[in-house]
Amino acid sequence: MFIQADTLDDLLAKAFSRLLASRNAISPTKGPAHEIAGVLLSLNGPRFRLSRTDNRGILFSCLGEWLWYLSGHNRLDFIKYYLPHYKDLTDDGTTIHGGYGPRLFGPRQAGQIKRVISLLKKKPDSRQAVVQIFRGDDLIGNHKDVPCTCTLQFMIRSKRLHLLTTMRSNDAYIGLPHDVFAFTMLQELVARSVDVELGLYKHFVGSFHLYDKNRDKAAQYLEEGYQARIPMPPMPEGDPWLQIEKVLQFEAHIRNGRAAGIKLEGLPDYWADLVRILQIFRLTKQQAIAKDVRALAARMSTNTFAPYIRKRIEKRRTSKRQLEIFDSLRA
């Protein structure tokens, strides 16, 4: 089956509709589901990687998980700050066996992303720029978390970087929005690293499924409809890795409660906005949102993320007056 769309929301709508109509019932470890086997999803606009709906507009957890990958670590304490359910996926209480960070950037596989970048700089037409995530030894033992992603293949054609992701299994409701965000952000990082434009994003899944527990939520998504189709801003041109290092340093400070004194001068607006999003997430976790969140929102260089910030404020039970003040900053 082939599903193509210009934006993540259009892709999700088509995917949910087909899965809700599927009669292929399965009973995997995580609960009953309905499945379509062998699906190719194609996203024409990789920067349209965020849902603009209340239902699936999950900026903060998507950004946190992506930075967890970039850190090169698989530590539980990092990811459970953004996604608490990971605490149920650890084998040893401190790490996540299937964490992508070490597999993408860690020493065991010699930093596969950096090797891919080096290869594409030397051989732009190479068909060997493949990152392996699922490994043979993942079949050994009884792990609570095993990677759903098998490979990432980066291809430069006509001076555009395309990415083909291959998944053994994909949960359409919870997993797909996170995967599309993380992998298209990684695609754009590699594109900037090799100085080419962003191409198509393609996502092949062996078992594409919707858990029965999420069927009502998927139906609600279809009833909700979309807001405006707005992409994320383009990543700044030039090598991004120095800025990534700075963002990861800021992330660690913010997550560990040492956000005081963070200075973003000299950091391009794109990256500074991502750091401010992390700061807003921290402040709203602490319920200290009124004055400081308004100040951070006023410094954002774009209104792209405003709906997600407002939703976050609403979730933390901010007063109506605080929301009115926040909305005035967007005008």
C-alpha atoms as a PDB file:
ATOM      1  CA  MET A   1       0.000   0.000   0.000  1.00  0.00           C
ATOM      2  CA  PHE A   2       1.247   3.498  -0.869  1.00  0.00           C
ATOM      3  CA  ILE A   3       0.157   6.595   1.083  1.00  0.00           C
ATOM      4  CA  GLN A   4       1.457   9.997  -0.015  1.00  0.00           C
ATOM      5  CA  ALA A   5       0.808  13.470   1.390  1.00  0.00           C
ATOM      6  CA  ASP A   6       2.283  16.951   1.584  1.00  0.00           C
ATOM      7  CA  THR A   7       2.071  17.324   5.372  1.00  0.00           C
ATOM      8  CA  LEU A   8       2.145  15.119   8.453  1.00  0.00           C
ATOM      9  CA  ASP A   9      -1.505  15.885   9.193  1.00  0.00           C
ATOM     10  CA  ASP A  10      -2.577  14.817   5.705  1.00  0.00           C
ATOM     11  CA  LEU A  11      -0.477  11.665   6.081  1.00  0.00           C
ATOM     12  CA  LEU A  12      -1.980  10.833   9.484  1.00  0.00           C
ATOM     13  CA  ALA A  13      -5.520  11.383   8.212  1.00  0.00           C
ATOM     14  CA  LYS A  14      -5.036   8.975   5.324  1.00  0.00           C
ATOM     15  CA  ALA A  15      -3.258   6.424   7.514  1.00  0.00           C
ATOM     16  CA  PHE A  16      -5.857   6.507  10.306  1.00  0.00           C
ATOM     17  CA  SER A  17      -8.710   6.182   7.814  1.00  0.00           C
ATOM     18  CA  ARG A  18      -7.226   3.060   6.259  1.00  0.00           C
ATOM     19  CA  LEU A  19      -6.298   1.458   9.568  1.00  0.00           C
ATOM     20  CA  LEU A  20      -9.731   2.100  11.045  1.00  0.00           C
ATOM     21  CA  ALA A  21     -11.161   0.281   8.023  1.00  0.00           C
ATOM     22  CA  SER A  22      -8.735  -2.644   8.315  1.00  0.00           C
ATOM     23  CA  ARG A  23     -10.136  -6.036   9.260  1.00  0.00           C
ATOM     24  CA  ASN A  24      -6.717  -7.573   9.879  1.00  0.00           C
ATOM     25  CA  ALA A  25      -6.812  -8.077  13.649  1.00  0.00           C
ATOM     26  CA  ILE A  26      -3.595  -9.047  15.457  1.00  0.00           C
ATOM     27  CA  SER A  27      -2.698  -9.700  19.104  1.00  0.00           C
ATOM     28  CA  PRO A  28       0.925  -8.586  19.692  1.00  0.00           C
ATOM     29  CA  THR A  29       2.592  -8.229  23.092  1.00  0.00           C
ATOM     30  CA  LYS A  30       1.394  -4.658  23.649  1.00  0.00           C
ATOM     31  CA  GLY A  31      -2.269  -5.401  23.045  1.00  0.00           C
ATOM     32  CA  PRO A  32      -4.824  -6.082  20.287  1.00  0.00           C
ATOM     33  CA  ALA A  33      -4.510  -4.012  17.136  1.00  0.00           C
ATOM     34  CA  HIS A  34      -5.532  -3.811  13.504  1.00  0.00           C
ATOM     35  CA  GLU A  35      -2.777  -4.003  10.930  1.00  0.00           C
ATOM     36  CA  ILE A  36      -1.858  -3.318   7.335  1.00  0.00           C
ATOM     37  CA  ALA A  37       1.240  -5.223   6.227  1.00  0.00           C
ATOM     38  CA  GLY A  38       3.753  -3.612   3.872  1.00  0.00           C
ATOM     39  CA  VAL A  39       3.027   0.138   3.700  1.00  0.00           C
ATOM     40  CA  LEU A  40       5.085   2.893   2.070  1.00  0.00           C
ATOM     41  CA  LEU A  41       4.392   6.397   3.404  1.00  0.00           C
ATOM     42  CA  SER A  42       5.763   9.394   1.504  1.00  0.00           C
ATOM     43  CA  LEU A  43       5.954  12.903   2.946  1.00  0.00           C
ATOM     44  CA  ASN A  44       6.512  15.490   0.226  1.00  0.00           C
ATOM     45  CA  GLY A  45       7.264  18.319   2.647  1.00  0.00           C
ATOM     46  CA  PRO A  46       9.538  17.070   5.464  1.00  0.00           C
ATOM     47  CA  ARG A  47       9.379  20.431   7.251  1.00  0.00           C
ATOM     48  CA  PHE A  48       5.618  19.893   7.684  1.00  0.00           C
ATOM     49  CA  ARG A  49       6.653  17.439  10.389  1.00  0.00           C
ATOM     50  CA  LEU A  50       4.431  18.690  13.197  1.00  0.00           C
ATOM     51  CA  SER A  51       0.723  18.060  13.498  1.00  0.00           C
ATOM     52  CA  ARG A  52      -1.308  21.248  13.752  1.00  0.00           C
ATOM     53  CA  THR A  53      -4.097  19.547  15.693  1.00  0.00           C
ATOM     54  CA  ASP A  54      -4.916  19.499  19.397  1.00  0.00           C
ATOM     55  CA  ASN A  55      -4.991  15.722  19.168  1.00  0.00           C
ATOM     56  CA  ARG A  56      -1.474  15.056  17.808  1.00  0.00           C
ATOM     57  CA  GLY A  57       0.308  18.401  18.256  1.00  0.00           C
ATOM     58  CA  ILE A  58       3.112  17.001  20.430  1.00  0.00           C
ATOM     59  CA  LEU A  59       6.053  19.367  19.940  1.00  0.00           C
ATOM     60  CA  PHE A  60       7.696  19.054  23.362  1.00  0.00           C
ATOM     61  CA  SER A  61       7.996  15.278  23.551  1.00  0.00           C
ATOM     62  CA  CYS A  62       9.087  15.095  19.904  1.00  0.00           C
ATOM     63  CA  LEU A  63      11.854  17.641  20.464  1.00  0.00           C
ATOM     64  CA  GLY A  64      12.986  15.970  23.679  1.00  0.00           C
ATOM     65  CA  GLU A  65      13.184  12.537  22.078  1.00  0.00           C
ATOM     66  CA  TRP A  66      15.126  13.889  19.093  1.00  0.00           C
ATOM     67  CA  LEU A  67      17.683  15.545  21.363  1.00  0.00           C
ATOM     68  CA  TRP A  68      17.963  12.261  23.298  1.00  0.00           C
ATOM     69  CA  TYR A  69      18.996  10.609  20.037  1.00  0.00           C
ATOM     70  CA  LEU A  70      21.493  13.368  19.256  1.00  0.00           C
ATOM     71  CA  SER A  71      23.075  13.055  22.691  1.00  0.00           C
ATOM     72  CA  GLY A  72      24.359   9.612  21.715  1.00  0.00           C
ATOM     73  CA  HIS A  73      23.094   8.151  24.996  1.00  0.00           C
ATOM     74  CA  ASN A  74      20.295   5.775  25.941  1.00  0.00           C
ATOM     75  CA  ARG A  75      19.919   6.912  29.551  1.00  0.00           C
ATOM     76  CA  LEU A  76      16.504   6.575  31.130  1.00  0.00           C
ATOM     77  CA  ASP A  77      16.812   9.721  33.247  1.00  0.00           C
ATOM     78  CA  PHE A  78      17.080  11.834  30.074  1.00  0.00           C
ATOM     79  CA  ILE A  79      14.102  10.509  28.130  1.00  0.00           C
ATOM     80  CA  LYS A  80      11.658   9.951  31.004  1.00  0.00           C
ATOM     81  CA  TYR A  81      11.789  13.698  31.667  1.00  0.00           C
ATOM     82  CA  TYR A  82       9.991  14.154  28.316  1.00  0.00           C
ATOM     83  CA  LEU A  83       8.257  10.782  27.963  1.00  0.00           C
ATOM     84  CA  PRO A  84       7.583   9.219  31.392  1.00  0.00           C
ATOM     85  CA  HIS A  85       6.324   5.921  29.937  1.00  0.00           C
ATOM     86  CA  TYR A  86       9.924   4.977  29.098  1.00  0.00           C
ATOM     87  CA  LYS A  87      10.350   4.015  32.747  1.00  0.00           C
ATOM     88  CA  ASP A  88       8.420   0.853  31.873  1.00  0.00           C
ATOM     89  CA  LEU A  89      10.834  -0.011  29.043  1.00  0.00           C
ATOM     90  CA  THR A  90      14.121  -0.299  30.926  1.00  0.00           C
ATOM     91  CA  ASP A  91      15.847  -3.636  31.545  1.00  0.00           C
ATOM     92  CA  ASP A  92      18.257  -2.403  34.217  1.00  0.00           C
ATOM     93  CA  GLY A  93      16.615   0.714  35.662  1.00  0.00           C
ATOM     94  CA  THR A  94      19.093   3.139  34.113  1.00  0.00           C
ATOM     95  CA  THR A  95      19.163   2.624  30.326  1.00  0.00           C
ATOM     96  CA  ILE A  96      16.884   1.738  27.409  1.00  0.00           C
ATOM     97  CA  HIS A  97      18.231  -1.198  25.415  1.00  0.00           C
ATOM     98  CA  GLY A  98      16.590  -0.032  22.183  1.00  0.00           C
ATOM     99  CA  GLY A  99      17.590   3.639  22.560  1.00  0.00           C
ATOM    100  CA  TYR A 100      18.652   5.065  19.198  1.00  0.00           C
ATOM    101  CA  GLY A 101      21.334   7.446  20.474  1.00  0.00           C
ATOM    102  CA  PRO A 102      24.248   4.978  20.750  1.00  0.00           C
ATOM    103  CA  ARG A 103      23.162   3.264  17.541  1.00  0.00           C
ATOM    104  CA  LEU A 104      23.217   6.515  15.564  1.00  0.00           C
ATOM    105  CA  PHE A 105      26.103   8.346  17.208  1.00  0.00           C
ATOM    106  CA  GLY A 106      27.776   6.032  19.708  1.00  0.00           C
ATOM    107  CA  PRO A 107      31.248   4.470  19.538  1.00  0.00           C
ATOM    108  CA  ARG A 108      30.059   0.884  19.166  1.00  0.00           C
ATOM    109  CA  GLN A 109      29.084   1.501  15.549  1.00  0.00           C
ATOM    110  CA  ALA A 110      31.645   4.251  15.047  1.00  0.00           C
ATOM    111  CA  GLY A 111      29.153   7.099  14.849  1.00  0.00           C
ATOM    112  CA  GLN A 112      27.139   5.967  11.863  1.00  0.00           C
ATOM    113  CA  ILE A 113      25.591   9.363  11.067  1.00  0.00           C
ATOM    114  CA  LYS A 114      28.992  11.042  10.957  1.00  0.00           C
ATOM    115  CA  ARG A 115      30.272   8.239   8.696  1.00  0.00           C
ATOM    116  CA  VAL A 116      27.307   8.709   6.361  1.00  0.00           C
ATOM    117  CA  ILE A 117      28.012  12.445   6.142  1.00  0.00           C
ATOM    118  CA  SER A 118      31.659  11.784   5.346  1.00  0.00           C
ATOM    119  CA  LEU A 119      30.693   9.252   2.676  1.00  0.00           C
ATOM    120  CA  LEU A 120      28.184  11.551   0.977  1.00  0.00           C
ATOM    121  CA  LYS A 121      30.678  14.410   0.877  1.00  0.00           C
ATOM    122  CA  LYS A 122      33.108  12.161  -1.008  1.00  0.00           C
ATOM    123  CA  LYS A 123      30.561  10.251  -3.105  1.00  0.00           C
ATOM    124  CA  PRO A 124      27.306  12.197  -3.508  1.00  0.00           C
ATOM    125  CA  ASP A 125      25.701   9.455  -5.631  1.00  0.00           C
ATOM    126  CA  SER A 126      26.555   6.696  -3.162  1.00  0.00           C
ATOM    127  CA  ARG A 127      23.988   3.992  -2.436  1.00  0.00           C
ATOM    128  CA  GLN A 128      25.862   2.882   0.678  1.00  0.00           C
ATOM    129  CA  ALA A 129      24.843   5.721   3.013  1.00  0.00           C
ATOM    130  CA  VAL A 130      22.840   3.368   5.220  1.00  0.00           C
ATOM    131  CA  VAL A 131      22.528   3.475   9.002  1.00  0.00           C
ATOM    132  CA  GLN A 132      21.605   0.228  10.753  1.00  0.00           C
ATOM    133  CA  ILE A 133      19.529   0.550  13.921  1.00  0.00           C
ATOM    134  CA  PHE A 134      17.984  -2.895  14.496  1.00  0.00           C
ATOM    135  CA  ARG A 135      20.807  -5.406  15.092  1.00  0.00           C
ATOM    136  CA  GLY A 136      21.003  -9.180  15.051  1.00  0.00           C
ATOM    137  CA  ASP A 137      21.719  -9.305  18.782  1.00  0.00           C
ATOM    138  CA  ASP A 138      18.395  -7.591  19.475  1.00  0.00           C
ATOM    139  CA  LEU A 139      16.881 -11.046  18.927  1.00  0.00           C
ATOM    140  CA  ILE A 140      18.930 -12.439  21.824  1.00  0.00           C
ATOM    141  CA  GLY A 141      17.455 -12.170  25.298  1.00  0.00           C
ATOM    142  CA  ASN A 142      14.145 -10.733  26.444  1.00  0.00           C
ATOM    143  CA  HIS A 143      14.369  -6.953  26.198  1.00  0.00           C
ATOM    144  CA  LYS A 144      11.513  -4.632  27.139  1.00  0.00           C
ATOM    145  CA  ASP A 145      12.395  -2.285  24.274  1.00  0.00           C
ATOM    146  CA  VAL A 146      13.708  -3.388  20.863  1.00  0.00           C
ATOM    147  CA  PRO A 147      14.105  -0.869  18.010  1.00  0.00           C
ATOM    148  CA  CYS A 148      11.201  -0.672  15.583  1.00  0.00           C
ATOM    149  CA  THR A 149      13.455   1.038  13.032  1.00  0.00           C
ATOM    150  CA  CYS A 150      15.679  -1.197  10.928  1.00  0.00           C
ATOM    151  CA  THR A 151      17.605   1.196   8.656  1.00  0.00           C
ATOM    152  CA  LEU A 152      17.888   4.781   7.462  1.00  0.00           C
ATOM    153  CA  GLN A 153      19.140   5.260   3.896  1.00  0.00           C
ATOM    154  CA  PHE A 154      20.269   8.721   2.818  1.00  0.00           C
ATOM    155  CA  MET A 155      20.420   9.441  -0.919  1.00  0.00           C
ATOM    156  CA  ILE A 156      21.447  12.577  -2.796  1.00  0.00           C
ATOM    157  CA  ARG A 157      19.722  12.936  -6.142  1.00  0.00           C
ATOM    158  CA  SER A 158      19.563  16.177  -8.161  1.00  0.00           C
ATOM    159  CA  LYS A 159      21.252  18.004  -5.243  1.00  0.00           C
ATOM    160  CA  ARG A 160      18.460  17.041  -2.832  1.00  0.00           C
ATOM    161  CA  LEU A 161      18.835  14.702   0.131  1.00  0.00           C
ATOM    162  CA  HIS A 162      16.130  12.048   0.352  1.00  0.00           C
ATOM    163  CA  LEU A 163      15.666   9.714   3.302  1.00  0.00           C
ATOM    164  CA  LEU A 164      14.129   6.245   3.238  1.00  0.00           C
ATOM    165  CA  THR A 165      13.334   4.821   6.667  1.00  0.00           C
ATOM    166  CA  THR A 166      12.610   1.104   6.993  1.00  0.00           C
ATOM    167  CA  MET A 167      10.558  -0.028   9.993  1.00  0.00           C
ATOM    168  CA  ARG A 168       9.821  -3.583  11.076  1.00  0.00           C
ATOM    169  CA  SER A 169       6.804  -2.271  13.013  1.00  0.00           C
ATOM    170  CA  ASN A 170       5.115   1.087  13.551  1.00  0.00           C
ATOM    171  CA  ASP A 171       2.307   2.233  15.830  1.00  0.00           C
ATOM    172  CA  ALA A 172       0.468   4.779  13.688  1.00  0.00           C
ATOM    173  CA  TYR A 173      -1.086   6.802  16.512  1.00  0.00           C
ATOM    174  CA  ILE A 174       1.721   7.157  19.086  1.00  0.00           C
ATOM    175  CA  GLY A 175       4.890   6.207  17.236  1.00  0.00           C
ATOM    176  CA  LEU A 176       4.500   7.649  13.747  1.00  0.00           C
ATOM    177  CA  PRO A 177       4.338  11.373  14.681  1.00  0.00           C
ATOM    178  CA  HIS A 178       7.474  11.019  16.827  1.00  0.00           C
ATOM    179  CA  ASP A 179       9.321   9.037  14.160  1.00  0.00           C
ATOM    180  CA  VAL A 180       8.503  11.463  11.352  1.00  0.00           C
ATOM    181  CA  PHE A 181       9.629  14.409  13.453  1.00  0.00           C
ATOM    182  CA  ALA A 182      12.913  12.837  14.574  1.00  0.00           C
ATOM    183  CA  PHE A 183      13.916  11.367  11.234  1.00  0.00           C
ATOM    184  CA  THR A 184      13.045  14.402   9.105  1.00  0.00           C
ATOM    185  CA  MET A 185      14.964  16.612  11.548  1.00  0.00           C
ATOM    186  CA  LEU A 186      17.897  14.219  11.182  1.00  0.00           C
ATOM    187  CA  GLN A 187      17.429  14.307   7.406  1.00  0.00           C
ATOM    188  CA  GLU A 188      17.668  18.104   7.458  1.00  0.00           C
ATOM    189  CA  LEU A 189      20.769  17.961   9.671  1.00  0.00           C
ATOM    190  CA  VAL A 190      22.503  15.673   7.187  1.00  0.00           C
ATOM    191  CA  ALA A 191      21.343  17.814   4.249  1.00  0.00           C
ATOM    192  CA  ARG A 192      22.867  20.906   5.832  1.00  0.00           C
ATOM    193  CA  SER A 193      26.031  18.958   6.657  1.00  0.00           C
ATOM    194  CA  VAL A 194      26.584  17.999   3.008  1.00  0.00           C
ATOM    195  CA  ASP A 195      25.290  21.336   1.641  1.00  0.00           C
ATOM    196  CA  VAL A 196      22.296  20.131  -0.384  1.00  0.00           C
ATOM    197  CA  GLU A 197      18.588  20.893  -0.267  1.00  0.00           C
ATOM    198  CA  LEU A 198      16.007  18.829   1.585  1.00  0.00           C
ATOM    199  CA  GLY A 199      14.313  16.154  -0.514  1.00  0.00           C
ATOM    200  CA  LEU A 200      11.482  13.688   0.066  1.00  0.00           C
ATOM    201  CA  TYR A 201      10.932  11.611   3.172  1.00  0.00           C
ATOM    202  CA  LYS A 202       9.802   8.008   2.664  1.00  0.00           C
ATOM    203  CA  HIS A 203       8.850   5.615   5.429  1.00  0.00           C
ATOM    204  CA  PHE A 204       8.369   1.901   4.769  1.00  0.00           C
ATOM    205  CA  VAL A 205       6.677  -0.222   7.433  1.00  0.00           C
ATOM    206  CA  GLY A 206       6.361  -4.004   7.655  1.00  0.00           C
ATOM    207  CA  SER A 207       3.597  -4.051  10.297  1.00  0.00           C
ATOM    208  CA  PHE A 208       1.703  -0.755  10.237  1.00  0.00           C
ATOM    209  CA  HIS A 209      -0.875  -0.916  12.991  1.00  0.00           C
ATOM    210  CA  LEU A 210      -3.327   0.942  15.203  1.00  0.00           C
ATOM    211  CA  TYR A 211      -3.866  -0.402  18.709  1.00  0.00           C
ATOM    212  CA  ASP A 212      -7.500  -0.943  19.603  1.00  0.00           C
ATOM    213  CA  LYS A 213      -7.045   1.237  22.696  1.00  0.00           C
ATOM    214  CA  ASN A 214      -6.325   4.200  20.374  1.00  0.00           C
ATOM    215  CA  ARG A 215      -9.107   3.655  17.829  1.00  0.00           C
ATOM    216  CA  ASP A 216     -11.423   6.236  19.423  1.00  0.00           C
ATOM    217  CA  LYS A 217      -8.603   8.772  19.550  1.00  0.00           C
ATOM    218  CA  ALA A 218      -7.793   8.202  15.877  1.00  0.00           C
ATOM    219  CA  ALA A 219     -11.462   8.665  14.984  1.00  0.00           C
ATOM    220  CA  GLN A 220     -11.512  11.857  17.070  1.00  0.00           C
ATOM    221  CA  TYR A 221      -8.472  13.109  15.134  1.00  0.00           C
ATOM    222  CA  LEU A 222     -10.349  12.685  11.869  1.00  0.00           C
ATOM    223  CA  GLU A 223     -13.354  14.557  13.261  1.00  0.00           C
ATOM    224  CA  GLU A 224     -11.228  17.420  14.591  1.00  0.00           C
ATOM    225  CA  GLY A 225      -9.851  18.563  11.242  1.00  0.00           C
ATOM    226  CA  TYR A 226      -6.652  20.550  10.765  1.00  0.00           C
ATOM    227  CA  GLN A 227      -5.571  24.047  11.447  1.00  0.00           C
ATOM    228  CA  ALA A 228      -3.367  25.964   8.995  1.00  0.00           C
ATOM    229  CA  ARG A 229      -0.672  23.960   7.226  1.00  0.00           C
ATOM    230  CA  ILE A 230       2.499  25.645   8.471  1.00  0.00           C
ATOM    231  CA  PRO A 231       6.016  24.169   8.135  1.00  0.00           C
ATOM    232  CA  MET A 232       8.858  24.537  10.577  1.00  0.00           C
ATOM    233  CA  PRO A 233      11.349  27.207   9.491  1.00  0.00           C
ATOM    234  CA  PRO A 234      14.326  25.995   7.431  1.00  0.00           C
ATOM    235  CA  MET A 235      17.366  24.953   9.415  1.00  0.00           C
ATOM    236  CA  PRO A 236      20.149  27.559   9.016  1.00  0.00           C
ATOM    237  CA  GLU A 237      22.589  26.899   6.209  1.00  0.00           C
ATOM    238  CA  GLY A 238      26.087  25.710   7.005  1.00  0.00           C
ATOM    239  CA  ASP A 239      27.479  22.976   9.222  1.00  0.00           C
ATOM    240  CA  PRO A 240      25.001  22.575  12.122  1.00  0.00           C
ATOM    241  CA  TRP A 241      27.051  20.495  14.555  1.00  0.00           C
ATOM    242  CA  LEU A 242      28.588  23.285  16.623  1.00  0.00           C
ATOM    243  CA  GLN A 243      25.087  24.635  17.224  1.00  0.00           C
ATOM    244  CA  ILE A 244      23.837  21.139  18.070  1.00  0.00           C
ATOM    245  CA  GLU A 245      26.538  20.824  20.725  1.00  0.00           C
ATOM    246  CA  LYS A 246      25.434  24.108  22.267  1.00  0.00           C
ATOM    247  CA  VAL A 247      21.756  23.132  22.229  1.00  0.00           C
ATOM    248  CA  LEU A 248      22.572  19.808  23.917  1.00  0.00           C
ATOM    249  CA  GLN A 249      24.534  21.647  26.615  1.00  0.00           C
ATOM    250  CA  PHE A 250      21.595  24.002  27.201  1.00  0.00           C
ATOM    251  CA  GLU A 251      19.186  21.051  27.253  1.00  0.00           C
ATOM    252  CA  ALA A 252      21.163  19.321  29.999  1.00  0.00           C
ATOM    253  CA  HIS A 253      21.281  22.494  32.091  1.00  0.00           C
ATOM    254  CA  ILE A 254      17.543  23.080  31.713  1.00  0.00           C
ATOM    255  CA  ARG A 255      16.534  19.469  32.375  1.00  0.00           C
ATOM    256  CA  ASN A 256      18.736  19.309  35.484  1.00  0.00           C
ATOM    257  CA  GLY A 257      17.344  22.537  36.927  1.00  0.00           C
ATOM    258  CA  ARG A 258      20.346  24.724  36.153  1.00  0.00           C
ATOM    259  CA  ALA A 259      18.657  27.020  33.646  1.00  0.00           C
ATOM    260  CA  ALA A 260      19.648  30.257  35.390  1.00  0.00           C
ATOM    261  CA  GLY A 261      22.155  32.309  33.471  1.00  0.00           C
ATOM    262  CA  ILE A 262      21.628  30.704  30.062  1.00  0.00           C
ATOM    263  CA  LYS A 263      22.744  33.201  27.438  1.00  0.00           C
ATOM    264  CA  LEU A 264      21.598  32.659  23.861  1.00  0.00           C
ATOM    265  CA  GLU A 265      23.486  35.560  22.308  1.00  0.00           C
ATOM    266  CA  GLY A 266      25.199  34.435  19.121  1.00  0.00           C
ATOM    267  CA  LEU A 267      22.972  31.397  18.717  1.00  0.00           C
ATOM    268  CA  PRO A 268      20.958  31.613  15.468  1.00  0.00           C
ATOM    269  CA  ASP A 269      17.245  32.258  15.942  1.00  0.00           C
ATOM    270  CA  TYR A 270      16.299  28.769  14.787  1.00  0.00           C
ATOM    271  CA  TRP A 271      18.347  27.069  17.510  1.00  0.00           C
ATOM    272  CA  ALA A 272      17.600  29.718  20.132  1.00  0.00           C
ATOM    273  CA  ASP A 273      13.872  29.118  19.633  1.00  0.00           C
ATOM    274  CA  LEU A 274      14.343  25.396  20.285  1.00  0.00           C
ATOM    275  CA  VAL A 275      16.164  26.196  23.531  1.00  0.00           C
ATOM    276  CA  ARG A 276      13.341  28.541  24.559  1.00  0.00           C
ATOM    277  CA  ILE A 277      10.865  25.713  23.918  1.00  0.00           C
ATOM    278  CA  LEU A 278      12.877  23.560  26.319  1.00  0.00           C
ATOM    279  CA  GLN A 279      12.820  26.365  28.885  1.00  0.00           C
ATOM    280  CA  ILE A 280       9.052  26.727  28.542  1.00  0.00           C
ATOM    281  CA  PHE A 281       8.629  22.980  29.024  1.00  0.00           C
ATOM    282  CA  ARG A 282      10.674  23.150  32.235  1.00  0.00           C
ATOM    283  CA  LEU A 283       8.807  26.140  33.603  1.00  0.00           C
ATOM    284  CA  THR A 284       5.408  24.624  32.922  1.00  0.00           C
ATOM    285  CA  LYS A 285       6.467  21.394  34.635  1.00  0.00           C
ATOM    286  CA  GLN A 286       7.239  23.533  37.667  1.00  0.00           C
ATOM    287  CA  GLN A 287       3.954  25.495  37.381  1.00  0.00           C
ATOM    288  CA  ALA A 288       6.044  28.709  37.396  1.00  0.00           C
ATOM    289  CA  ILE A 289       4.572  29.900  34.154  1.00  0.00           C
ATOM    290  CA  ALA A 290       2.933  33.307  34.234  1.00  0.00           C
ATOM    291  CA  LYS A 291       5.720  35.883  34.009  1.00  0.00           C
ATOM    292  CA  ASP A 292       8.603  33.768  32.734  1.00  0.00           C
ATOM    293  CA  VAL A 293       6.707  31.920  30.003  1.00  0.00           C
ATOM    294  CA  ARG A 294       5.314  35.196  28.679  1.00  0.00           C
ATOM    295  CA  ALA A 295       8.827  36.615  28.527  1.00  0.00           C
ATOM    296  CA  LEU A 296      10.149  33.585  26.642  1.00  0.00           C
ATOM    297  CA  ALA A 297       7.193  33.580  24.249  1.00  0.00           C
ATOM    298  CA  ALA A 298       7.830  37.237  23.455  1.00  0.00           C
ATOM    299  CA  ARG A 299      11.425  36.397  22.428  1.00  0.00           C
ATOM    300  CA  MET A 300      10.480  33.682  19.932  1.00  0.00           C
ATOM    301  CA  SER A 301      11.529  34.667  16.413  1.00  0.00           C
ATOM    302  CA  THR A 302       8.497  32.977  14.798  1.00  0.00           C
ATOM    303  CA  ASN A 303       4.853  32.270  15.600  1.00  0.00           C
ATOM    304  CA  THR A 304       5.214  28.721  14.267  1.00  0.00           C
ATOM    305  CA  PHE A 305       5.347  27.205  17.748  1.00  0.00           C
ATOM    306  CA  ALA A 306       2.786  29.464  19.431  1.00  0.00           C
ATOM    307  CA  PRO A 307      -0.144  26.984  19.282  1.00  0.00           C
ATOM    308  CA  TYR A 308       1.953  24.314  21.012  1.00  0.00           C
ATOM    309  CA  ILE A 309       3.069  26.732  23.715  1.00  0.00           C
ATOM    310  CA  ARG A 310      -0.508  27.840  24.316  1.00  0.00           C
ATOM    311  CA  LYS A 311      -1.662  24.236  24.516  1.00  0.00           C
ATOM    312  CA  ARG A 312       1.082  23.521  27.032  1.00  0.00           C
ATOM    313  CA  ILE A 313       0.007  26.477  29.145  1.00  0.00           C
ATOM    314  CA  GLU A 314      -3.614  25.317  29.021  1.00  0.00           C
ATOM    315  CA  LYS A 315      -2.592  21.810  30.039  1.00  0.00           C
ATOM    316  CA  ARG A 316      -0.875  23.196  33.127  1.00  0.00           C
ATOM    317  CA  ARG A 317      -4.131  24.943  34.134  1.00  0.00           C
ATOM    318  CA  THR A 318      -3.042  28.484  33.548  1.00  0.00           C
ATOM    319  CA  SER A 319      -5.562  31.175  34.342  1.00  0.00           C
ATOM    320  CA  LYS A 320      -7.695  32.716  31.597  1.00  0.00           C
ATOM    321  CA  ARG A 321      -5.934  36.058  32.152  1.00  0.00           C
ATOM    322  CA  GLN A 322      -2.514  34.514  31.566  1.00  0.00           C
ATOM    323  CA  LEU A 323      -3.729  32.977  28.316  1.00  0.00           C
ATOM    324  CA  GLU A 324      -5.099  36.329  27.198  1.00  0.00           C
ATOM    325  CA  ILE A 325      -1.720  37.941  27.851  1.00  0.00           C
ATOM    326  CA  PHE A 326       0.050  35.160  25.962  1.00  0.00           C
ATOM    327  CA  ASP A 327      -2.284  35.557  22.974  1.00  0.00           C
ATOM    328  CA  SER A 328      -1.578  39.292  22.916  1.00  0.00           C
ATOM    329  CA  LEU A 329       2.107  38.532  22.401  1.00  0.00           C
ATOM    330  CA  ARG A 330       1.311  36.589  19.224  1.00  0.00           C
ATOM    331  CA  ALA A 331      -0.642  39.405  17.615  1.00  0.00           C
END
